[in-house]
Amino acid sequence: MPQKRTYHKHELAVLANRSPSSITRYFRQHRAEYQALGIPPGAQTIYGKALQKFCEEYCIDL
């Protein structure tokens, strides 16, 4: 089975052991960085380099 490449924010919250509101707050505070990586404000799915950056920040091994 191939690795899943797109995650919803609520799935990332579970993986990071954080509440969904904490994850939303994190993305709001880092909005410019994620926009530069191609994730528009208010997006519910995270993918690509943005997903990699998030996983590095929260030490998540996908």
N, C-alpha and C. Protein backbone atom coordinates (compact mmCIF):
# COMPACT_ATOMS: atom_id res chain seq x y z
N MET A 1 0.85 -1.19 0.00
CA MET A 1 0.00 0.00 0.00
C MET A 1 0.89 1.25 0.00
N PRO A 2 0.64 2.20 -0.91
CA PRO A 2 1.47 3.41 -0.95
C PRO A 2 1.20 4.32 0.25
N GLN A 3 2.20 5.11 0.56
CA GLN A 3 2.07 6.04 1.69
C GLN A 3 1.05 7.13 1.36
N LYS A 4 0.23 7.47 2.32
CA LYS A 4 -0.76 8.54 2.14
C LYS A 4 -0.02 9.86 2.03
N ARG A 5 -0.33 10.68 1.05
CA ARG A 5 0.41 11.90 0.80
C ARG A 5 -0.34 13.17 1.21
N THR A 6 -1.60 13.06 1.54
CA THR A 6 -2.40 14.21 1.93
C THR A 6 -3.08 13.90 3.27
N TYR A 7 -3.02 14.84 4.19
CA TYR A 7 -3.64 14.66 5.50
C TYR A 7 -4.53 15.85 5.81
N HIS A 8 -5.67 15.58 6.42
CA HIS A 8 -6.53 16.64 6.93
C HIS A 8 -5.93 17.15 8.23
N LYS A 9 -6.23 18.38 8.56
CA LYS A 9 -5.70 18.97 9.79
C LYS A 9 -6.13 18.18 11.03
N HIS A 10 -7.34 17.66 11.03
CA HIS A 10 -7.79 16.90 12.21
C HIS A 10 -7.00 15.59 12.34
N GLU A 11 -6.58 15.00 11.24
CA GLU A 11 -5.74 13.80 11.31
C GLU A 11 -4.35 14.15 11.86
N LEU A 12 -3.83 15.29 11.45
CA LEU A 12 -2.53 15.73 11.97
C LEU A 12 -2.61 16.03 13.46
N ALA A 13 -3.74 16.55 13.90
CA ALA A 13 -3.91 16.82 15.33
C ALA A 13 -3.83 15.53 16.13
N VAL A 14 -4.43 14.48 15.63
CA VAL A 14 -4.38 13.18 16.32
C VAL A 14 -2.95 12.66 16.33
N LEU A 15 -2.27 12.74 15.19
CA LEU A 15 -0.89 12.25 15.11
C LEU A 15 0.06 13.04 16.02
N ALA A 16 -0.21 14.35 16.16
CA ALA A 16 0.64 15.21 16.98
C ALA A 16 0.22 15.21 18.45
N ASN A 17 -0.87 14.51 18.75
CA ASN A 17 -1.40 14.47 20.11
C ASN A 17 -1.76 15.87 20.61
N ARG A 18 -2.38 16.64 19.76
CA ARG A 18 -2.81 18.00 20.07
C ARG A 18 -4.29 18.13 19.72
N SER A 19 -4.92 19.17 20.22
CA SER A 19 -6.32 19.41 19.88
C SER A 19 -6.39 20.05 18.49
N PRO A 20 -7.50 19.87 17.78
CA PRO A 20 -7.64 20.51 16.48
C PRO A 20 -7.50 22.03 16.54
N SER A 21 -7.95 22.64 17.62
CA SER A 21 -7.82 24.09 17.73
C SER A 21 -6.36 24.52 17.87
N SER A 22 -5.55 23.69 18.53
CA SER A 22 -4.12 24.00 18.63
C SER A 22 -3.45 23.93 17.27
N ILE A 23 -3.84 22.97 16.46
CA ILE A 23 -3.28 22.83 15.12
C ILE A 23 -3.70 24.01 14.25
N THR A 24 -4.97 24.41 14.36
CA THR A 24 -5.46 25.57 13.62
C THR A 24 -4.69 26.82 14.02
N ARG A 25 -4.46 26.99 15.31
CA ARG A 25 -3.70 28.14 15.81
C ARG A 25 -2.26 28.10 15.27
N TYR A 26 -1.64 26.92 15.25
CA TYR A 26 -0.28 26.78 14.73
C TYR A 26 -0.22 27.24 13.27
N PHE A 27 -1.16 26.76 12.45
CA PHE A 27 -1.15 27.14 11.03
C PHE A 27 -1.45 28.62 10.85
N ARG A 28 -2.27 29.19 11.70
CA ARG A 28 -2.56 30.63 11.62
C ARG A 28 -1.30 31.44 11.93
N GLN A 29 -0.54 31.02 12.93
CA GLN A 29 0.67 31.74 13.31
C GLN A 29 1.78 31.60 12.27
N HIS A 30 1.76 30.51 11.49
CA HIS A 30 2.79 30.26 10.48
C HIS A 30 2.22 30.37 9.07
N ARG A 31 1.20 31.18 8.92
CA ARG A 31 0.49 31.31 7.65
C ARG A 31 1.40 31.66 6.48
N ALA A 32 2.28 32.64 6.65
CA ALA A 32 3.15 33.08 5.55
C ALA A 32 4.07 31.96 5.07
N GLU A 33 4.60 31.20 6.00
CA GLU A 33 5.49 30.10 5.64
C GLU A 33 4.74 29.04 4.83
N TYR A 34 3.53 28.72 5.25
CA TYR A 34 2.77 27.68 4.56
C TYR A 34 2.19 28.19 3.24
N GLN A 35 1.90 29.47 3.14
CA GLN A 35 1.48 30.02 1.86
C GLN A 35 2.61 29.92 0.85
N ALA A 36 3.84 30.17 1.30
CA ALA A 36 5.00 30.05 0.42
C ALA A 36 5.18 28.60 -0.06
N LEU A 37 4.70 27.65 0.73
CA LEU A 37 4.79 26.24 0.36
C LEU A 37 3.56 25.76 -0.44
N GLY A 38 2.63 26.68 -0.72
CA GLY A 38 1.48 26.35 -1.56
C GLY A 38 0.21 25.99 -0.83
N ILE A 39 0.15 26.22 0.47
CA ILE A 39 -1.06 25.91 1.24
C ILE A 39 -1.80 27.22 1.50
N PRO A 40 -2.99 27.40 0.91
CA PRO A 40 -3.73 28.65 1.11
C PRO A 40 -4.31 28.74 2.53
N PRO A 41 -4.57 29.96 3.01
CA PRO A 41 -5.19 30.11 4.33
C PRO A 41 -6.55 29.41 4.35
N GLY A 42 -6.84 28.73 5.42
CA GLY A 42 -8.12 28.04 5.54
C GLY A 42 -8.16 26.66 4.91
N ALA A 43 -7.07 26.21 4.34
CA ALA A 43 -7.04 24.88 3.73
C ALA A 43 -7.21 23.81 4.81
N GLN A 44 -7.92 22.77 4.49
CA GLN A 44 -8.14 21.68 5.46
C GLN A 44 -7.20 20.51 5.22
N THR A 45 -6.59 20.44 4.02
CA THR A 45 -5.67 19.35 3.72
C THR A 45 -4.26 19.90 3.59
N ILE A 46 -3.29 19.12 4.06
CA ILE A 46 -1.89 19.50 4.03
C ILE A 46 -1.15 18.42 3.25
N TYR A 47 -0.23 18.83 2.40
CA TYR A 47 0.47 17.88 1.53
C TYR A 47 1.86 18.42 1.18
N GLY A 48 2.65 17.58 0.56
CA GLY A 48 3.94 17.96 0.02
C GLY A 48 4.93 18.49 1.05
N LYS A 49 5.63 19.55 0.65
CA LYS A 49 6.65 20.16 1.51
C LYS A 49 6.05 20.71 2.80
N ALA A 50 4.82 21.17 2.74
CA ALA A 50 4.15 21.70 3.94
C ALA A 50 3.93 20.58 4.95
N LEU A 51 3.53 19.41 4.47
CA LEU A 51 3.34 18.27 5.35
C LEU A 51 4.67 17.85 5.97
N GLN A 52 5.71 17.86 5.16
CA GLN A 52 7.04 17.51 5.66
C GLN A 52 7.49 18.48 6.74
N LYS A 53 7.27 19.79 6.52
CA LYS A 53 7.65 20.81 7.51
C LYS A 53 6.88 20.61 8.81
N PHE A 54 5.57 20.38 8.71
CA PHE A 54 4.75 20.16 9.89
C PHE A 54 5.25 18.95 10.68
N CYS A 55 5.53 17.86 9.98
CA CYS A 55 5.99 16.64 10.64
C CYS A 55 7.34 16.85 11.33
N GLU A 56 8.20 17.65 10.75
CA GLU A 56 9.47 17.97 11.39
C GLU A 56 9.26 18.79 12.65
N GLU A 57 8.33 19.73 12.59
CA GLU A 57 8.05 20.60 13.75
C GLU A 57 7.52 19.79 14.94
N TYR A 58 6.66 18.81 14.65
CA TYR A 58 6.02 18.03 15.71
C TYR A 58 6.62 16.64 15.89
N CYS A 59 7.75 16.38 15.22
CA CYS A 59 8.45 15.08 15.33
C CYS A 59 7.52 13.90 15.03
N ILE A 60 6.82 13.99 13.92
CA ILE A 60 5.92 12.92 13.49
C ILE A 60 6.61 12.14 12.38
N ASP A 61 6.63 10.83 12.52
CA ASP A 61 7.23 9.98 11.50
C ASP A 61 6.09 9.34 10.71
N LEU A 62 5.98 9.77 9.45
CA LEU A 62 4.93 9.18 8.60
C LEU A 62 5.55 8.05 7.85
